[in-house]
Amino acid sequence: MPRHELYNDDGDAERELCPRCGDSFLAQHDDRQHCGKCGYTEWE
């Protein structure tokens, strides 16, 4: 998915940004959100 599709018309991110990196989006998985850059993971 292109990065510009992750923002709404107001310029706000539609996906959660990584709290550790700050510049990467968290990938949505069935049981977690994961940052591919630093490896940060939030389990649901």
Protein backbone atom coordinates (compact mmCIF):
# COMPACT_ATOMS: atom_id res chain seq x y z
CA MET A 1 0.00 0.00 0.00
CA PRO A 2 1.50 3.37 -0.97
CA ARG A 3 2.32 5.62 1.97
CA HIS A 4 0.03 8.45 0.76
CA GLU A 5 -2.97 6.11 1.15
CA LEU A 6 -2.26 5.85 4.90
CA TYR A 7 -3.30 9.48 5.50
CA ASN A 8 -6.77 11.05 5.42
CA ASP A 9 -7.64 14.35 3.71
CA ASP A 10 -6.68 16.36 6.82
CA GLY A 11 -3.13 14.97 6.75
CA ASP A 12 -3.61 12.85 9.87
CA ALA A 13 -2.33 9.28 9.87
CA GLU A 14 -5.04 6.64 9.58
CA ARG A 15 -2.76 3.97 11.02
CA GLU A 16 -0.87 4.10 14.27
CA LEU A 17 2.75 5.25 14.14
CA CYS A 18 5.43 3.30 15.97
CA PRO A 19 5.98 4.79 19.44
CA ARG A 20 9.65 3.72 19.35
CA CYS A 21 10.62 4.91 15.82
CA GLY A 22 8.03 7.63 15.33
CA ASP A 23 8.29 7.58 11.54
CA SER A 24 7.06 4.07 10.66
CA PHE A 25 3.52 2.74 10.58
CA LEU A 26 2.57 -0.37 12.54
CA ALA A 27 1.52 -3.26 10.31
CA GLN A 28 -1.91 -4.69 11.12
CA HIS A 29 -1.97 -8.45 11.82
CA ASP A 30 -4.75 -10.62 13.28
CA ASP A 31 -3.30 -10.73 16.80
CA ARG A 32 -0.77 -7.88 16.87
CA GLN A 33 0.56 -4.65 15.40
CA HIS A 34 4.21 -4.76 14.35
CA CYS A 35 6.87 -2.27 13.25
CA GLY A 36 9.04 -3.72 10.50
CA LYS A 37 11.77 -1.14 11.08
CA CYS A 38 12.61 -1.69 14.76
CA GLY A 39 10.61 -4.81 15.65
CA TYR A 40 8.28 -3.15 18.16
CA THR A 41 5.15 -5.32 18.69
CA GLU A 42 1.82 -4.64 20.40
CA TRP A 43 -0.14 -7.85 21.15
CA GLU A 44 -3.91 -7.70 21.30
